[in-house]
Amino acid sequence: MHPHLHTKDNIACEEIMTALEQCHAKGFLWKAMGMCSSTKDQVTLCLRAERLKRTANNRKIAKVKRDKLKAAWADIDENS
């Protein structure tokens, strides 16, 4: 199973995802002949870019928390 595409994290890819859904709505043969492949590739690239942005942001937040925790422990060790 894949995660839901239409989430608050994927707002930047909404237009491309809608185009893919419209392509898929044209029927099975349309999909089977690979007519939606280029749109699917665009969706994949867009979602990957959004995931990389979230990952970078999460990494920054984690570093700030880690530095704060390290400073708190240094303060405890210094005052003990």
N, C-alpha and C. Protein backbone atom coordinates (compact mmCIF):
# COMPACT_ATOMS: atom_id res chain seq x y z
N MET A 1 0.84 -1.18 0.00
CA MET A 1 0.00 0.00 0.00
C MET A 1 0.89 1.25 0.00
N HIS A 2 0.46 2.24 -0.69
CA HIS A 2 1.18 3.50 -0.72
C HIS A 2 0.43 4.51 0.13
N PRO A 3 1.13 5.52 0.62
CA PRO A 3 0.45 6.54 1.43
C PRO A 3 -0.47 7.40 0.57
N HIS A 4 -1.37 8.08 1.22
CA HIS A 4 -2.27 8.98 0.51
C HIS A 4 -1.47 10.11 -0.12
N LEU A 5 -1.82 10.46 -1.33
CA LEU A 5 -1.08 11.51 -2.03
C LEU A 5 -1.55 12.90 -1.65
N HIS A 6 -2.84 13.07 -1.48
CA HIS A 6 -3.39 14.39 -1.20
C HIS A 6 -3.34 14.68 0.30
N THR A 7 -2.19 15.16 0.75
CA THR A 7 -2.01 15.53 2.15
C THR A 7 -1.48 16.96 2.20
N LYS A 8 -1.43 17.51 3.40
CA LYS A 8 -0.94 18.88 3.57
C LYS A 8 0.53 19.01 3.18
N ASP A 9 1.28 17.90 3.22
CA ASP A 9 2.70 17.93 2.87
C ASP A 9 2.94 17.96 1.37
N ASN A 10 1.93 17.61 0.59
CA ASN A 10 2.11 17.50 -0.86
C ASN A 10 1.32 18.54 -1.64
N ILE A 11 1.06 19.67 -1.04
CA ILE A 11 0.26 20.71 -1.68
C ILE A 11 0.94 21.21 -2.95
N ALA A 12 2.25 21.27 -2.98
CA ALA A 12 2.97 21.78 -4.15
C ALA A 12 2.79 20.87 -5.36
N CYS A 13 2.44 19.61 -5.14
CA CYS A 13 2.30 18.64 -6.24
C CYS A 13 0.84 18.42 -6.62
N GLU A 14 -0.05 19.19 -6.08
CA GLU A 14 -1.49 18.99 -6.28
C GLU A 14 -1.88 19.02 -7.75
N GLU A 15 -1.36 19.97 -8.51
CA GLU A 15 -1.72 20.11 -9.92
C GLU A 15 -1.29 18.89 -10.73
N ILE A 16 -0.08 18.41 -10.49
CA ILE A 16 0.42 17.25 -11.22
C ILE A 16 -0.35 15.99 -10.83
N MET A 17 -0.69 15.85 -9.54
CA MET A 17 -1.45 14.68 -9.09
C MET A 17 -2.84 14.68 -9.70
N THR A 18 -3.45 15.85 -9.84
CA THR A 18 -4.76 15.95 -10.46
C THR A 18 -4.68 15.54 -11.94
N ALA A 19 -3.62 15.96 -12.61
CA ALA A 19 -3.43 15.58 -14.02
C ALA A 19 -3.28 14.06 -14.15
N LEU A 20 -2.58 13.44 -13.19
CA LEU A 20 -2.42 11.98 -13.21
C LEU A 20 -3.76 11.29 -12.99
N GLU A 21 -4.55 11.79 -12.07
CA GLU A 21 -5.87 11.21 -11.82
C GLU A 21 -6.76 11.33 -13.06
N GLN A 22 -6.68 12.46 -13.75
CA GLN A 22 -7.47 12.64 -14.97
C GLN A 22 -7.00 11.68 -16.05
N CYS A 23 -5.72 11.47 -16.14
CA CYS A 23 -5.18 10.52 -17.11
C CYS A 23 -5.66 9.10 -16.79
N HIS A 24 -5.62 8.72 -15.53
CA HIS A 24 -6.07 7.39 -15.12
C HIS A 24 -7.57 7.22 -15.35
N ALA A 25 -8.32 8.30 -15.27
CA ALA A 25 -9.76 8.23 -15.47
C ALA A 25 -10.13 7.94 -16.93
N LYS A 26 -9.19 8.07 -17.82
CA LYS A 26 -9.47 7.81 -19.24
C LYS A 26 -9.65 6.32 -19.53
N GLY A 27 -9.27 5.47 -18.60
CA GLY A 27 -9.52 4.05 -18.77
C GLY A 27 -8.27 3.19 -18.66
N PHE A 28 -8.52 1.89 -18.58
CA PHE A 28 -7.45 0.92 -18.38
C PHE A 28 -6.49 0.88 -19.56
N LEU A 29 -7.01 0.86 -20.77
CA LEU A 29 -6.13 0.76 -21.93
C LEU A 29 -5.21 1.97 -22.05
N TRP A 30 -5.73 3.12 -21.70
CA TRP A 30 -4.92 4.35 -21.72
C TRP A 30 -3.71 4.19 -20.79
N LYS A 31 -3.96 3.65 -19.59
CA LYS A 31 -2.88 3.42 -18.64
C LYS A 31 -1.97 2.29 -19.11
N ALA A 32 -2.57 1.22 -19.63
CA ALA A 32 -1.80 0.05 -20.03
C ALA A 32 -0.85 0.35 -21.20
N MET A 33 -1.22 1.28 -22.05
CA MET A 33 -0.37 1.64 -23.18
C MET A 33 0.73 2.63 -22.77
N GLY A 34 0.76 3.02 -21.52
CA GLY A 34 1.82 3.89 -21.02
C GLY A 34 1.59 5.37 -21.28
N MET A 35 0.36 5.73 -21.53
CA MET A 35 0.06 7.12 -21.84
C MET A 35 0.17 8.03 -20.61
N CYS A 36 0.15 7.45 -19.42
CA CYS A 36 0.22 8.24 -18.19
C CYS A 36 1.62 8.20 -17.57
N SER A 37 2.55 7.53 -18.22
CA SER A 37 3.88 7.32 -17.63
C SER A 37 4.64 8.62 -17.37
N SER A 38 4.60 9.53 -18.32
CA SER A 38 5.35 10.78 -18.13
C SER A 38 4.76 11.60 -16.98
N THR A 39 3.43 11.59 -16.86
CA THR A 39 2.79 12.30 -15.75
C THR A 39 3.14 11.64 -14.43
N LYS A 40 3.17 10.31 -14.42
CA LYS A 40 3.53 9.57 -13.21
C LYS A 40 4.96 9.89 -12.80
N ASP A 41 5.86 9.99 -13.78
CA ASP A 41 7.25 10.35 -13.47
C ASP A 41 7.34 11.74 -12.86
N GLN A 42 6.54 12.67 -13.38
CA GLN A 42 6.52 14.04 -12.83
C GLN A 42 6.02 14.04 -11.39
N VAL A 43 4.98 13.23 -11.12
CA VAL A 43 4.45 13.13 -9.75
C VAL A 43 5.53 12.58 -8.82
N THR A 44 6.21 11.54 -9.28
CA THR A 44 7.26 10.92 -8.47
C THR A 44 8.37 11.92 -8.15
N LEU A 45 8.81 12.67 -9.15
CA LEU A 45 9.86 13.66 -8.92
C LEU A 45 9.41 14.77 -7.98
N CYS A 46 8.18 15.21 -8.15
CA CYS A 46 7.65 16.27 -7.28
C CYS A 46 7.56 15.79 -5.84
N LEU A 47 7.00 14.58 -5.64
CA LEU A 47 6.87 14.04 -4.29
C LEU A 47 8.24 13.81 -3.64
N ARG A 48 9.21 13.40 -4.44
CA ARG A 48 10.57 13.20 -3.92
C ARG A 48 11.15 14.53 -3.45
N ALA A 49 10.96 15.57 -4.26
CA ALA A 49 11.47 16.89 -3.88
C ALA A 49 10.83 17.37 -2.58
N GLU A 50 9.53 17.16 -2.44
CA GLU A 50 8.83 17.56 -1.21
C GLU A 50 9.34 16.75 -0.01
N ARG A 51 9.59 15.46 -0.23
CA ARG A 51 10.10 14.62 0.86
C ARG A 51 11.49 15.08 1.28
N LEU A 52 12.33 15.43 0.32
CA LEU A 52 13.68 15.91 0.64
C LEU A 52 13.64 17.22 1.42
N LYS A 53 12.68 18.09 1.08
CA LYS A 53 12.52 19.34 1.85
C LYS A 53 12.13 19.03 3.29
N ARG A 54 11.16 18.11 3.47
CA ARG A 54 10.73 17.74 4.82
C ARG A 54 11.87 17.12 5.60
N THR A 55 12.66 16.27 4.94
CA THR A 55 13.78 15.61 5.59
C THR A 55 14.81 16.63 6.06
N ALA A 56 15.14 17.59 5.20
CA ALA A 56 16.11 18.62 5.56
C ALA A 56 15.60 19.45 6.74
N ASN A 57 14.32 19.80 6.71
CA ASN A 57 13.73 20.57 7.80
C ASN A 57 13.75 19.77 9.11
N ASN A 58 13.39 18.50 9.03
CA ASN A 58 13.40 17.66 10.23
C ASN A 58 14.82 17.52 10.79
N ARG A 59 15.80 17.44 9.90
CA ARG A 59 17.19 17.33 10.33
C ARG A 59 17.62 18.60 11.08
N LYS A 60 17.21 19.77 10.57
CA LYS A 60 17.54 21.03 11.24
C LYS A 60 16.91 21.10 12.62
N ILE A 61 15.65 20.71 12.71
CA ILE A 61 14.94 20.73 14.00
C ILE A 61 15.60 19.78 14.99
N ALA A 62 15.97 18.59 14.51
CA ALA A 62 16.61 17.61 15.39
C ALA A 62 17.96 18.12 15.88
N LYS A 63 18.71 18.81 15.01
CA LYS A 63 20.01 19.36 15.43
C LYS A 63 19.83 20.40 16.51
N VAL A 64 18.84 21.27 16.37
CA VAL A 64 18.58 22.29 17.39
C VAL A 64 18.24 21.63 18.72
N LYS A 65 17.37 20.61 18.68
CA LYS A 65 17.00 19.90 19.91
C LYS A 65 18.21 19.20 20.53
N ARG A 66 19.04 18.58 19.67
CA ARG A 66 20.22 17.87 20.15
C ARG A 66 21.19 18.84 20.81
N ASP A 67 21.41 20.00 20.17
CA ASP A 67 22.32 21.01 20.73
C ASP A 67 21.79 21.55 22.06
N LYS A 68 20.49 21.76 22.14
CA LYS A 68 19.88 22.24 23.38
C LYS A 68 20.05 21.20 24.50
N LEU A 69 19.83 19.94 24.16
CA LEU A 69 19.99 18.87 25.15
C LEU A 69 21.45 18.75 25.59
N LYS A 70 22.36 18.85 24.63
CA LYS A 70 23.78 18.77 24.94
C LYS A 70 24.19 19.92 25.87
N ALA A 71 23.66 21.12 25.60
CA ALA A 71 23.97 22.27 26.45
C ALA A 71 23.39 22.09 27.85
N ALA A 72 22.21 21.51 27.95
CA ALA A 72 21.60 21.27 29.26
C ALA A 72 22.43 20.27 30.05
N TRP A 73 22.88 19.21 29.40
CA TRP A 73 23.72 18.23 30.10
C TRP A 73 25.07 18.82 30.49
N ALA A 74 25.63 19.66 29.65
CA ALA A 74 26.90 20.32 29.98
C ALA A 74 26.72 21.21 31.20
N ASP A 75 25.59 21.91 31.28
CA ASP A 75 25.28 22.75 32.43
C ASP A 75 25.12 21.92 33.69
N ILE A 76 24.45 20.78 33.58
CA ILE A 76 24.27 19.89 34.73
C ILE A 76 25.63 19.37 35.19
N ASP A 77 26.47 18.93 34.26
CA ASP A 77 27.80 18.41 34.63
C ASP A 77 28.66 19.50 35.24
N GLU A 78 28.54 20.71 34.74
CA GLU A 78 29.34 21.81 35.25
C GLU A 78 28.93 22.21 36.67
N ASN A 79 27.65 22.14 36.98
CA ASN A 79 27.16 22.56 38.27
C ASN A 79 27.03 21.43 39.28
N SER A 80 27.44 20.24 38.94
CA SER A 80 27.34 19.10 39.87
C SER A 80 28.59 18.87 40.64
